[in-house]
Amino acid sequence: MLRSVKLQLLVVMAVAFMLPGTNSYSFHQGKCPKVTPVPNFDMKNLTGLWYVIEKFDVDTPCWTYYFKPTNKDNSTFDIIASRDQKAADNRAKASYTGSLKVPKSSKPGKMTTQFSDNVIGEHDLTFFDTDYANYAAFFSCQKLLVGHRRSASIISRTPVLAPSLIAEARTKLKSFKIDLDRLKRIDQLGCSYLG
């Protein structure tokens, strides 16, 4: 019986690793960790362009996110994740569109998201830290048949973020018992959108 469960877990993990977008997730057993959202979070203050400063297990430079509301009550937003590769990189520009929904108005920082390239379905996305003007940080987690996959991003209004703000977001993420070893710096130098 135990051998059968282990084999099923290996098959699920192998399939999950082949899915698009899995390079920015780490896989874990058990339930998603509890991450506390920013109190009184206001997503409309996060609309616009953000540069990805650190992200789980991504070595691709030039990542950005763009958030825009899709309705008047600010309960649904589009999120566009883009990578604009350096000219020397043979990989093409890529863009993924998703939707962010606020299921409970009492917890606006805890959302669900569904990206166009994610065939598994929607997952939770929690904004756990922000000052709205300079930086924000979010954690996403998706339940699987066995375990879950998770990711985190630290984003900035500018291509460079003060080390003290990066440290603040990292400290907050660590307080939720999330391993910081998977956060990788995203190079924003030489990106075509910087001119």
Protein backbone atom coordinates (compact mmCIF):
# COMPACT_ATOMS: atom_id res chain seq x y z
CA MET A 1 0.00 0.00 0.00
CA LEU A 2 2.73 2.49 0.99
CA ARG A 3 4.71 1.60 -2.12
CA SER A 4 1.64 2.32 -4.28
CA VAL A 5 1.18 5.77 -2.66
CA LYS A 6 4.87 6.59 -3.22
CA LEU A 7 4.60 5.57 -6.86
CA GLN A 8 1.50 7.73 -7.33
CA LEU A 9 3.29 10.66 -5.72
CA LEU A 10 6.25 10.26 -8.08
CA VAL A 11 3.96 10.17 -11.13
CA VAL A 12 2.06 13.28 -9.99
CA MET A 13 5.30 15.14 -9.31
CA ALA A 14 6.79 14.12 -12.68
CA VAL A 15 3.72 15.33 -14.54
CA ALA A 16 3.59 18.54 -12.49
CA PHE A 17 7.23 19.34 -13.33
CA MET A 18 6.43 19.15 -17.05
CA LEU A 19 3.67 21.76 -16.87
CA PRO A 20 4.30 25.30 -18.13
CA GLY A 21 5.33 27.75 -15.46
CA THR A 22 6.52 25.11 -13.00
CA ASN A 23 10.07 26.45 -12.98
CA SER A 24 8.95 29.17 -10.56
CA TYR A 25 7.35 26.79 -8.04
CA SER A 26 8.67 24.42 -5.42
CA PHE A 27 6.78 21.25 -4.53
CA HIS A 28 5.93 20.19 -0.97
CA GLN A 29 3.91 17.61 0.90
CA GLY A 30 0.94 18.54 3.03
CA LYS A 31 -1.24 21.63 2.99
CA CYS A 32 -0.35 25.14 1.84
CA PRO A 33 1.23 27.18 4.64
CA LYS A 34 -0.83 29.93 6.25
CA VAL A 35 0.32 33.32 5.05
CA THR A 36 -1.29 36.38 6.60
CA PRO A 37 -2.44 39.02 4.11
CA VAL A 38 -1.71 42.72 4.49
CA PRO A 39 -4.42 44.21 6.75
CA ASN A 40 -6.85 46.51 4.90
CA PHE A 41 -5.14 45.64 1.62
CA ASP A 42 -6.14 47.87 -1.31
CA MET A 43 -5.38 46.27 -4.67
CA LYS A 44 -6.27 49.38 -6.64
CA ASN A 45 -3.14 51.00 -5.12
CA LEU A 46 -1.06 48.24 -6.73
CA THR A 47 -2.34 48.71 -10.28
CA GLY A 48 0.21 49.36 -12.99
CA LEU A 49 3.67 48.06 -13.84
CA TRP A 50 5.89 46.22 -11.34
CA TYR A 51 9.40 44.82 -11.82
CA VAL A 52 10.16 41.40 -10.34
CA ILE A 53 13.14 41.74 -7.99
CA GLU A 54 13.17 38.20 -6.54
CA LYS A 55 11.16 35.10 -7.41
CA PHE A 56 11.21 31.39 -6.62
CA ASP A 57 13.59 29.37 -8.81
CA VAL A 58 13.60 31.61 -11.87
CA ASP A 59 16.86 32.38 -13.65
CA THR A 60 15.16 34.27 -16.49
CA PRO A 61 15.91 38.02 -16.51
CA CYS A 62 13.52 40.89 -17.26
CA TRP A 63 10.31 39.74 -15.52
CA THR A 64 7.49 42.20 -14.91
CA TYR A 65 3.91 42.10 -13.65
CA TYR A 66 1.14 44.44 -14.68
CA PHE A 67 -2.05 44.66 -12.61
CA LYS A 68 -5.26 46.28 -13.84
CA PRO A 69 -8.83 46.23 -12.51
CA THR A 70 -11.47 44.55 -14.66
CA ASN A 71 -14.55 45.80 -12.80
CA LYS A 72 -15.62 48.87 -10.85
CA ASP A 73 -15.82 47.25 -7.41
CA ASN A 74 -12.14 46.17 -7.54
CA SER A 75 -12.94 42.53 -6.87
CA THR A 76 -11.37 41.24 -10.11
CA PHE A 77 -8.06 42.20 -11.71
CA ASP A 78 -5.98 41.10 -14.66
CA ILE A 79 -2.38 40.14 -13.97
CA ILE A 80 0.00 40.05 -16.89
CA ALA A 81 3.33 38.35 -16.24
CA SER A 82 5.92 39.15 -18.91
CA ARG A 83 9.51 38.40 -19.60
CA ASP A 84 11.30 40.60 -22.08
CA GLN A 85 14.51 38.81 -22.88
CA LYS A 86 17.86 40.39 -23.51
CA ALA A 87 18.78 40.67 -27.19
CA ALA A 88 21.52 38.04 -26.76
CA ASP A 89 19.01 35.52 -25.38
CA ASN A 90 17.50 33.21 -28.00
CA ARG A 91 14.24 32.80 -26.08
CA ALA A 92 11.37 34.92 -27.31
CA LYS A 93 9.40 37.46 -25.34
CA ALA A 94 6.69 35.71 -23.37
CA SER A 95 3.56 36.99 -21.70
CA TYR A 96 1.03 35.16 -19.52
CA THR A 97 -2.32 36.62 -18.59
CA GLY A 98 -4.22 35.65 -15.50
CA SER A 99 -7.14 36.83 -13.45
CA LEU A 100 -7.06 37.76 -9.78
CA LYS A 101 -10.26 37.47 -7.78
CA VAL A 102 -11.04 38.56 -4.23
CA PRO A 103 -13.30 35.78 -2.86
CA LYS A 104 -13.87 37.44 0.54
CA SER A 105 -14.16 41.21 0.76
CA SER A 106 -13.14 40.94 4.43
CA LYS A 107 -9.69 39.66 3.29
CA PRO A 108 -8.87 41.59 0.11
CA GLY A 109 -5.18 40.62 0.24
CA LYS A 110 -6.03 36.92 -0.06
CA MET A 111 -6.98 36.20 -3.65
CA THR A 112 -7.31 33.39 -6.14
CA THR A 113 -5.62 33.48 -9.51
CA GLN A 114 -5.84 31.54 -12.74
CA PHE A 115 -3.21 31.92 -15.45
CA SER A 116 -3.78 31.06 -19.09
CA ASP A 117 -0.89 28.56 -19.08
CA ASN A 118 -1.88 26.72 -15.86
CA VAL A 119 -3.87 23.62 -16.79
CA ILE A 120 -4.19 22.50 -13.15
CA GLY A 121 -6.52 25.35 -12.27
CA GLU A 122 -6.62 28.32 -9.93
CA HIS A 123 -4.47 28.81 -6.89
CA ASP A 124 -4.27 31.11 -3.88
CA LEU A 125 -2.26 34.32 -4.05
CA THR A 126 -1.67 36.36 -0.90
CA PHE A 127 -0.12 39.81 -0.73
CA PHE A 128 1.72 39.65 2.60
CA ASP A 129 3.75 42.86 2.47
CA THR A 130 3.65 46.23 0.69
CA ASP A 131 4.08 49.95 1.11
CA TYR A 132 2.21 50.46 -2.22
CA ALA A 133 4.65 53.17 -3.40
CA ASN A 134 7.90 51.16 -3.64
CA TYR A 135 7.46 47.43 -3.20
CA ALA A 136 5.08 44.55 -2.65
CA ALA A 137 5.47 40.83 -1.98
CA PHE A 138 3.12 37.96 -2.59
CA PHE A 139 3.00 34.23 -1.99
CA SER A 140 1.09 31.78 -4.15
CA CYS A 141 0.17 28.20 -3.40
CA GLN A 142 -1.70 25.58 -5.39
CA LYS A 143 -3.14 22.40 -3.93
CA LEU A 144 -2.31 19.25 -5.87
CA LEU A 145 -3.61 15.70 -5.58
CA VAL A 146 -0.68 15.02 -3.30
CA GLY A 147 0.82 18.04 -1.58
CA HIS A 148 1.10 21.51 -3.07
CA ARG A 149 3.31 23.77 -5.12
CA ARG A 150 4.32 27.25 -3.99
CA SER A 151 6.04 30.38 -5.17
CA ALA A 152 6.82 33.88 -3.92
CA SER A 153 7.73 37.16 -5.58
CA ILE A 154 9.13 40.46 -4.36
CA ILE A 155 8.21 43.24 -6.79
CA SER A 156 9.13 46.91 -7.14
CA ARG A 157 7.88 50.03 -8.92
CA THR A 158 11.42 50.49 -10.25
CA PRO A 159 13.95 48.01 -11.71
CA VAL A 160 16.09 48.31 -8.56
CA LEU A 161 14.84 48.02 -4.98
CA ALA A 162 16.61 49.16 -1.81
CA PRO A 163 18.23 46.23 0.03
CA SER A 164 16.41 47.24 3.24
CA LEU A 165 13.01 46.76 1.55
CA ILE A 166 14.07 43.40 0.09
CA ALA A 167 15.19 42.35 3.58
CA GLU A 168 11.87 43.49 5.06
CA ALA A 169 9.87 41.37 2.59
CA ARG A 170 12.17 38.38 3.09
CA THR A 171 11.86 38.62 6.88
CA LYS A 172 8.08 38.71 6.65
CA LEU A 173 8.07 35.66 4.33
CA LYS A 174 10.39 33.78 6.69
CA SER A 175 7.99 34.52 9.57
CA PHE A 176 5.48 32.23 7.79
CA LYS A 177 8.12 29.46 7.85
CA ILE A 178 8.77 29.69 4.11
CA ASP A 179 12.28 28.66 3.01
CA LEU A 180 14.05 31.66 1.47
CA ASP A 181 16.66 29.56 -0.36
CA ARG A 182 14.37 29.34 -3.38
CA LEU A 183 14.16 33.12 -3.87
CA LYS A 184 16.42 34.12 -6.76
CA ARG A 185 17.41 37.62 -7.83
CA ILE A 186 15.91 38.65 -11.18
CA ASP A 187 18.29 40.66 -13.39
CA GLN A 188 16.57 43.79 -14.73
CA LEU A 189 19.67 45.22 -16.44
CA GLY A 190 19.83 45.25 -20.23
CA CYS A 191 16.09 44.70 -20.64
CA SER A 192 14.65 46.29 -23.78
CA TYR A 193 11.96 48.15 -21.80
CA LEU A 194 14.68 50.11 -19.99
CA GLY A 195 15.74 51.72 -23.27
